[in-house]
Amino acid sequence: MIIAIDFDGTIVEHKYPHIGKPLPGAFETISQLYADGHRIIIWTCRGGQELVCAIEYLHKNGVPFDRVNENVNYEIIGFKPAPKIYADIYIDDKNLGGFPGWEKTYEIISTMEQPEFNPNLFKDLVGDENDTNYSAD
């Protein structure tokens, strides 16, 4: 699965623009999800130097990820580049109901059935490379 994970308030305590302490189990759970074969996108509102600091912090602490605020290869997800990050799961402290913590998050993800992505399902929705008609009619 593709998993988009928020940084502030989810991986670390929310202390923006500073980097808070890691939330219990965050590094270990993200590492395990990555080892389980999931693709990890760090999904954050941080920009500029604050984003650089967050990326360096994750590297320094050995937290694996595939992308930051960017979709995985579009060949994998089967549609054209877009500003919205595509993921099968979004982990964020702003989720409806709040963030359940990393132990519960891993329990939920590890018991989910893995979706099979079929790019042909999107073919009619996205058209071909030359299709520029995006009207709603």
N, C-alpha and C. Protein backbone atom coordinates (compact mmCIF):
# COMPACT_ATOMS: atom_id res chain seq x y z
N MET A 1 0.84 -1.19 0.00
CA MET A 1 0.00 0.00 0.00
C MET A 1 0.88 1.25 0.00
N ILE A 2 0.30 2.32 -0.45
CA ILE A 2 0.96 3.62 -0.37
C ILE A 2 0.39 4.31 0.87
N ILE A 3 1.29 4.73 1.76
CA ILE A 3 0.87 5.33 3.03
C ILE A 3 1.46 6.74 3.13
N ALA A 4 0.59 7.74 3.24
CA ALA A 4 1.01 9.13 3.42
C ALA A 4 0.96 9.43 4.92
N ILE A 5 2.09 9.91 5.46
CA ILE A 5 2.19 10.14 6.91
C ILE A 5 2.56 11.60 7.17
N ASP A 6 1.74 12.26 7.97
CA ASP A 6 2.01 13.63 8.38
C ASP A 6 3.22 13.65 9.32
N PHE A 7 3.92 14.77 9.38
CA PHE A 7 5.11 14.89 10.24
C PHE A 7 4.75 15.45 11.61
N ASP A 8 4.36 16.72 11.68
CA ASP A 8 4.08 17.37 12.96
C ASP A 8 2.78 16.85 13.57
N GLY A 9 2.88 16.38 14.80
CA GLY A 9 1.71 15.87 15.49
C GLY A 9 1.44 14.40 15.25
N THR A 10 2.19 13.80 14.33
CA THR A 10 1.98 12.40 13.99
C THR A 10 3.27 11.60 14.16
N ILE A 11 4.36 12.08 13.57
CA ILE A 11 5.66 11.44 13.78
C ILE A 11 6.34 12.04 15.01
N VAL A 12 6.23 13.36 15.13
CA VAL A 12 6.80 14.07 16.28
C VAL A 12 5.72 14.93 16.93
N GLU A 13 5.97 15.32 18.19
CA GLU A 13 5.06 16.25 18.86
C GLU A 13 4.96 17.52 18.03
N HIS A 14 3.81 18.15 18.05
CA HIS A 14 3.60 19.36 17.27
C HIS A 14 4.23 20.55 17.99
N LYS A 15 5.40 20.97 17.50
CA LYS A 15 6.13 22.11 18.06
C LYS A 15 6.57 23.06 16.95
N TYR A 16 5.89 23.01 15.81
CA TYR A 16 6.28 23.82 14.65
C TYR A 16 6.52 25.27 15.06
N PRO A 17 7.58 25.91 14.57
CA PRO A 17 8.49 25.49 13.51
C PRO A 17 9.62 24.58 14.00
N HIS A 18 9.68 24.34 15.30
CA HIS A 18 10.70 23.44 15.84
C HIS A 18 10.25 22.00 15.61
N ILE A 19 11.16 21.07 15.81
CA ILE A 19 10.82 19.66 15.71
C ILE A 19 10.64 19.12 17.13
N GLY A 20 9.45 18.61 17.40
CA GLY A 20 9.16 18.07 18.72
C GLY A 20 9.79 16.71 18.93
N LYS A 21 9.58 16.17 20.11
CA LYS A 21 10.07 14.83 20.43
C LYS A 21 9.30 13.80 19.61
N PRO A 22 9.94 12.69 19.26
CA PRO A 22 9.21 11.66 18.50
C PRO A 22 8.07 11.09 19.33
N LEU A 23 6.96 10.82 18.67
CA LEU A 23 5.85 10.16 19.35
C LEU A 23 6.21 8.70 19.59
N PRO A 24 5.78 8.15 20.71
CA PRO A 24 6.13 6.75 21.03
C PRO A 24 5.77 5.79 19.90
N GLY A 25 6.76 5.04 19.46
CA GLY A 25 6.57 4.02 18.44
C GLY A 25 6.61 4.50 17.01
N ALA A 26 6.74 5.82 16.79
CA ALA A 26 6.68 6.35 15.43
C ALA A 26 7.78 5.79 14.55
N PHE A 27 9.02 5.92 14.97
CA PHE A 27 10.14 5.48 14.14
C PHE A 27 10.07 3.98 13.88
N GLU A 28 9.80 3.23 14.92
CA GLU A 28 9.75 1.77 14.80
C GLU A 28 8.62 1.31 13.89
N THR A 29 7.45 1.94 14.03
CA THR A 29 6.30 1.53 13.23
C THR A 29 6.50 1.89 11.76
N ILE A 30 6.99 3.09 11.50
CA ILE A 30 7.23 3.48 10.11
C ILE A 30 8.27 2.56 9.49
N SER A 31 9.32 2.25 10.23
CA SER A 31 10.35 1.33 9.74
C SER A 31 9.76 -0.05 9.44
N GLN A 32 8.86 -0.52 10.30
CA GLN A 32 8.24 -1.82 10.08
C GLN A 32 7.31 -1.79 8.88
N LEU A 33 6.54 -0.72 8.73
CA LEU A 33 5.66 -0.60 7.57
C LEU A 33 6.47 -0.62 6.28
N TYR A 34 7.59 0.09 6.29
CA TYR A 34 8.48 0.11 5.13
C TYR A 34 9.05 -1.29 4.87
N ALA A 35 9.48 -1.96 5.92
CA ALA A 35 10.02 -3.32 5.79
C ALA A 35 8.94 -4.30 5.31
N ASP A 36 7.69 -4.02 5.65
CA ASP A 36 6.58 -4.87 5.21
C ASP A 36 6.27 -4.66 3.72
N GLY A 37 6.95 -3.70 3.08
CA GLY A 37 6.77 -3.49 1.65
C GLY A 37 5.89 -2.32 1.27
N HIS A 38 5.43 -1.55 2.25
CA HIS A 38 4.60 -0.39 1.94
C HIS A 38 5.47 0.76 1.44
N ARG A 39 4.89 1.61 0.62
CA ARG A 39 5.57 2.81 0.17
C ARG A 39 5.15 3.95 1.10
N ILE A 40 6.14 4.70 1.58
CA ILE A 40 5.89 5.74 2.57
C ILE A 40 6.13 7.11 1.95
N ILE A 41 5.10 7.97 2.05
CA ILE A 41 5.22 9.36 1.63
C ILE A 41 5.10 10.22 2.89
N ILE A 42 6.09 11.06 3.14
CA ILE A 42 5.98 12.02 4.22
C ILE A 42 5.16 13.17 3.66
N TRP A 43 4.08 13.48 4.35
CA TRP A 43 3.05 14.39 3.86
C TRP A 43 2.94 15.53 4.88
N THR A 44 3.48 16.68 4.55
CA THR A 44 3.60 17.75 5.54
C THR A 44 3.37 19.12 4.92
N CYS A 45 2.94 20.05 5.76
CA CYS A 45 2.80 21.45 5.32
C CYS A 45 4.12 22.20 5.43
N ARG A 46 5.14 21.58 6.01
CA ARG A 46 6.44 22.25 6.14
C ARG A 46 6.99 22.57 4.76
N GLY A 47 7.67 23.71 4.69
CA GLY A 47 8.32 24.10 3.46
C GLY A 47 9.65 24.76 3.78
N GLY A 48 10.42 25.05 2.76
CA GLY A 48 11.68 25.75 2.94
C GLY A 48 12.62 25.05 3.91
N GLN A 49 13.28 25.84 4.74
CA GLN A 49 14.26 25.31 5.68
C GLN A 49 13.62 24.38 6.71
N GLU A 50 12.38 24.64 7.10
CA GLU A 50 11.70 23.75 8.05
C GLU A 50 11.51 22.36 7.47
N LEU A 51 11.24 22.29 6.17
CA LEU A 51 11.12 20.99 5.51
C LEU A 51 12.47 20.29 5.43
N VAL A 52 13.50 21.04 5.08
CA VAL A 52 14.86 20.47 5.03
C VAL A 52 15.22 19.89 6.40
N CYS A 53 14.93 20.62 7.46
CA CYS A 53 15.23 20.13 8.82
C CYS A 53 14.46 18.85 9.14
N ALA A 54 13.20 18.78 8.73
CA ALA A 54 12.40 17.57 8.98
C ALA A 54 12.97 16.37 8.23
N ILE A 55 13.35 16.56 6.97
CA ILE A 55 13.92 15.47 6.18
C ILE A 55 15.24 15.01 6.80
N GLU A 56 16.09 15.96 7.17
CA GLU A 56 17.36 15.61 7.81
C GLU A 56 17.12 14.87 9.12
N TYR A 57 16.13 15.30 9.88
CA TYR A 57 15.78 14.66 11.15
C TYR A 57 15.39 13.19 10.92
N LEU A 58 14.56 12.96 9.92
CA LEU A 58 14.13 11.58 9.61
C LEU A 58 15.32 10.73 9.19
N HIS A 59 16.18 11.26 8.32
CA HIS A 59 17.38 10.53 7.90
C HIS A 59 18.27 10.22 9.10
N LYS A 60 18.51 11.23 9.92
CA LYS A 60 19.39 11.07 11.09
C LYS A 60 18.88 9.98 12.03
N ASN A 61 17.56 9.84 12.10
CA ASN A 61 16.96 8.85 12.99
C ASN A 61 16.62 7.54 12.29
N GLY A 62 17.07 7.38 11.06
CA GLY A 62 16.90 6.12 10.34
C GLY A 62 15.48 5.80 9.94
N VAL A 63 14.64 6.82 9.78
CA VAL A 63 13.24 6.59 9.40
C VAL A 63 13.16 6.52 7.87
N PRO A 64 12.79 5.36 7.33
CA PRO A 64 12.76 5.21 5.86
C PRO A 64 11.50 5.81 5.25
N PHE A 65 11.64 6.35 4.07
CA PHE A 65 10.50 6.86 3.31
C PHE A 65 10.88 6.92 1.85
N ASP A 66 9.86 6.97 0.99
CA ASP A 66 10.09 6.99 -0.46
C ASP A 66 10.05 8.40 -1.04
N ARG A 67 9.14 9.22 -0.56
CA ARG A 67 8.94 10.56 -1.11
C ARG A 67 8.54 11.52 0.00
N VAL A 68 8.64 12.81 -0.32
CA VAL A 68 8.16 13.86 0.58
C VAL A 68 7.27 14.78 -0.24
N ASN A 69 6.00 14.89 0.15
CA ASN A 69 5.03 15.76 -0.52
C ASN A 69 4.99 15.55 -2.03
N GLU A 70 5.17 14.31 -2.44
CA GLU A 70 5.22 13.98 -3.86
C GLU A 70 4.70 12.56 -4.04
N ASN A 71 3.93 12.37 -5.08
CA ASN A 71 3.42 11.04 -5.36
C ASN A 71 4.53 10.08 -5.75
N VAL A 72 4.27 8.79 -5.52
CA VAL A 72 5.15 7.77 -6.06
C VAL A 72 5.02 7.83 -7.57
N ASN A 73 5.81 7.09 -8.30
CA ASN A 73 5.78 7.14 -9.76
C ASN A 73 4.35 7.01 -10.28
N TYR A 74 4.00 7.87 -11.21
CA TYR A 74 2.64 7.87 -11.75
C TYR A 74 2.32 6.59 -12.50
N GLU A 75 3.36 5.87 -12.96
CA GLU A 75 3.10 4.59 -13.60
C GLU A 75 2.49 3.63 -12.60
N ILE A 76 2.85 3.78 -11.33
CA ILE A 76 2.33 2.89 -10.29
C ILE A 76 0.87 3.20 -9.99
N ILE A 77 0.53 4.49 -9.90
CA ILE A 77 -0.83 4.84 -9.52
C ILE A 77 -1.75 5.04 -10.73
N GLY A 78 -1.17 5.12 -11.93
CA GLY A 78 -1.96 5.06 -13.14
C GLY A 78 -2.69 6.31 -13.57
N PHE A 79 -2.30 7.47 -13.11
CA PHE A 79 -2.91 8.67 -13.63
C PHE A 79 -1.91 9.81 -13.69
N LYS A 80 -2.37 10.92 -14.27
CA LYS A 80 -1.49 12.05 -14.57
C LYS A 80 -1.06 12.77 -13.29
N PRO A 81 0.06 13.50 -13.34
CA PRO A 81 0.50 14.29 -12.18
C PRO A 81 -0.61 15.23 -11.69
N ALA A 82 -0.72 15.33 -10.38
CA ALA A 82 -1.73 16.17 -9.76
C ALA A 82 -1.19 16.69 -8.44
N PRO A 83 -1.72 17.80 -7.95
CA PRO A 83 -1.22 18.34 -6.68
C PRO A 83 -1.62 17.52 -5.46
N LYS A 84 -2.66 16.72 -5.58
CA LYS A 84 -3.10 15.91 -4.44
C LYS A 84 -2.22 14.67 -4.33
N ILE A 85 -1.78 14.38 -3.12
CA ILE A 85 -1.00 13.17 -2.87
C ILE A 85 -1.96 11.99 -2.86
N TYR A 86 -1.67 10.99 -3.69
CA TYR A 86 -2.46 9.77 -3.71
C TYR A 86 -1.86 8.77 -2.74
N ALA A 87 -2.72 8.20 -1.90
CA ALA A 87 -2.29 7.14 -0.98
C ALA A 87 -3.49 6.24 -0.72
N ASP A 88 -3.17 5.03 -0.29
CA ASP A 88 -4.24 4.11 0.14
C ASP A 88 -4.68 4.45 1.56
N ILE A 89 -3.73 4.99 2.34
CA ILE A 89 -3.99 5.35 3.74
C ILE A 89 -3.29 6.68 4.02
N TYR A 90 -3.97 7.55 4.77
CA TYR A 90 -3.39 8.81 5.23
C TYR A 90 -3.36 8.78 6.75
N ILE A 91 -2.16 8.95 7.31
CA ILE A 91 -2.02 8.95 8.77
C ILE A 91 -1.71 10.37 9.20
N ASP A 92 -2.61 10.96 9.99
CA ASP A 92 -2.49 12.37 10.35
C ASP A 92 -3.18 12.59 11.69
N ASP A 93 -2.63 13.48 12.51
CA ASP A 93 -3.26 13.79 13.79
C ASP A 93 -4.56 14.55 13.60
N LYS A 94 -4.83 15.03 12.41
CA LYS A 94 -6.07 15.75 12.13
C LYS A 94 -7.16 14.84 11.58
N ASN A 95 -6.95 13.53 11.58
CA ASN A 95 -7.97 12.59 11.12
C ASN A 95 -9.25 12.76 11.94
N LEU A 96 -10.36 12.49 11.33
CA LEU A 96 -11.62 12.47 12.07
C LEU A 96 -11.50 11.43 13.17
N GLY A 97 -11.65 11.83 14.39
CA GLY A 97 -11.48 10.91 15.51
C GLY A 97 -10.09 10.99 16.11
N GLY A 98 -9.18 11.73 15.47
CA GLY A 98 -7.83 11.90 15.99
C GLY A 98 -6.90 10.76 15.65
N PHE A 99 -5.65 10.93 16.02
CA PHE A 99 -4.62 9.93 15.76
C PHE A 99 -4.68 8.87 16.86
N PRO A 100 -4.84 7.59 16.49
CA PRO A 100 -5.00 6.54 17.50
C PRO A 100 -3.70 6.08 18.16
N GLY A 101 -2.56 6.62 17.72
CA GLY A 101 -1.27 6.16 18.23
C GLY A 101 -0.68 5.13 17.29
N TRP A 102 0.63 4.93 17.40
CA TRP A 102 1.32 4.08 16.44
C TRP A 102 1.05 2.60 16.62
N GLU A 103 0.87 2.14 17.84
CA GLU A 103 0.59 0.72 18.04
C GLU A 103 -0.74 0.33 17.40
N LYS A 104 -1.77 1.12 17.66
CA LYS A 104 -3.10 0.86 17.07
C LYS A 104 -3.06 1.04 15.55
N THR A 105 -2.32 2.04 15.08
CA THR A 105 -2.21 2.27 13.64
C THR A 105 -1.61 1.05 12.95
N TYR A 106 -0.53 0.51 13.50
CA TYR A 106 0.09 -0.67 12.88
C TYR A 106 -0.87 -1.86 12.93
N GLU A 107 -1.56 -2.01 14.04
CA GLU A 107 -2.53 -3.12 14.17
C GLU A 107 -3.59 -3.02 13.07
N ILE A 108 -4.10 -1.83 12.83
CA ILE A 108 -5.13 -1.64 11.80
C ILE A 108 -4.57 -1.95 10.41
N ILE A 109 -3.41 -1.38 10.10
CA ILE A 109 -2.83 -1.56 8.76
C ILE A 109 -2.45 -3.01 8.51
N SER A 110 -1.86 -3.66 9.51
CA SER A 110 -1.37 -5.03 9.30
C SER A 110 -2.51 -6.03 9.14
N THR A 111 -3.72 -5.66 9.55
CA THR A 111 -4.85 -6.58 9.40
C THR A 111 -5.71 -6.23 8.19
N MET A 112 -5.36 -5.15 7.48
CA MET A 112 -6.13 -4.76 6.30
C MET A 112 -5.80 -5.65 5.12
N GLU A 113 -6.78 -5.85 4.29
CA GLU A 113 -6.53 -6.56 3.04
C GLU A 113 -5.81 -5.61 2.10
N GLN A 114 -4.76 -6.08 1.45
CA GLN A 114 -3.97 -5.25 0.55
C GLN A 114 -4.78 -4.98 -0.72
N PRO A 115 -4.99 -3.71 -1.05
CA PRO A 115 -5.72 -3.43 -2.29
C PRO A 115 -4.86 -3.75 -3.50
N GLU A 116 -5.50 -4.25 -4.52
CA GLU A 116 -4.79 -4.48 -5.77
C GLU A 116 -5.09 -3.31 -6.68
N PHE A 117 -4.06 -2.64 -7.12
CA PHE A 117 -4.25 -1.47 -7.97
C PHE A 117 -4.32 -1.89 -9.42
N ASN A 118 -5.33 -1.44 -10.11
CA ASN A 118 -5.51 -1.73 -11.52
C ASN A 118 -5.60 -0.41 -12.27
N PRO A 119 -4.50 0.02 -12.93
CA PRO A 119 -4.52 1.31 -13.62
C PRO A 119 -5.60 1.42 -14.68
N ASN A 120 -6.07 0.30 -15.23
CA ASN A 120 -7.11 0.35 -16.25
C ASN A 120 -8.42 0.88 -15.70
N LEU A 121 -8.62 0.79 -14.38
CA LEU A 121 -9.84 1.33 -13.78
C LEU A 121 -9.92 2.84 -13.96
N PHE A 122 -8.77 3.50 -14.06
CA PHE A 122 -8.73 4.95 -14.16
C PHE A 122 -8.68 5.45 -15.59
N LYS A 123 -8.51 4.55 -16.55
CA LYS A 123 -8.29 4.96 -17.94
C LYS A 123 -9.40 5.87 -18.44
N ASP A 124 -10.66 5.52 -18.20
CA ASP A 124 -11.76 6.35 -18.66
C ASP A 124 -11.82 7.69 -17.93
N LEU A 125 -11.34 7.72 -16.70
CA LEU A 125 -11.38 8.95 -15.92
C LEU A 125 -10.30 9.94 -16.33
N VAL A 126 -9.11 9.45 -16.66
CA VAL A 126 -7.99 10.35 -16.93
C VAL A 126 -7.73 10.57 -18.41
N GLY A 127 -8.26 9.74 -19.28
CA GLY A 127 -8.04 9.90 -20.70
C GLY A 127 -6.60 9.60 -21.08
N ASP A 128 -6.23 9.94 -22.30
CA ASP A 128 -4.86 9.71 -22.71
C ASP A 128 -4.05 10.99 -22.57
N GLU A 129 -2.76 10.93 -22.92
CA GLU A 129 -1.86 12.06 -22.75
C GLU A 129 -2.30 13.30 -23.53
N ASN A 130 -3.00 13.09 -24.64
CA ASN A 130 -3.40 14.22 -25.49
C ASN A 130 -4.74 14.80 -25.10
N ASP A 131 -5.44 14.19 -24.19
CA ASP A 131 -6.75 14.64 -23.76
C ASP A 131 -6.61 15.86 -22.84
N THR A 132 -7.13 17.00 -23.28
CA THR A 132 -7.05 18.21 -22.45
C THR A 132 -8.43 18.72 -22.10
N ASN A 133 -9.47 17.95 -22.36
CA ASN A 133 -10.83 18.37 -22.04
C ASN A 133 -11.15 17.98 -20.61
N TYR A 134 -11.12 18.94 -19.71
CA TYR A 134 -11.38 18.67 -18.30
C TYR A 134 -12.72 19.26 -17.86
N SER A 135 -13.60 19.57 -18.79
CA SER A 135 -14.87 20.17 -18.42
C SER A 135 -15.78 19.13 -17.79
N ALA A 136 -16.77 19.61 -17.07
CA ALA A 136 -17.68 18.72 -16.35
C ALA A 136 -18.89 18.36 -17.19
N ASP A 137 -18.95 18.80 -18.45
CA ASP A 137 -20.14 18.51 -19.25
C ASP A 137 -20.11 17.18 -19.90
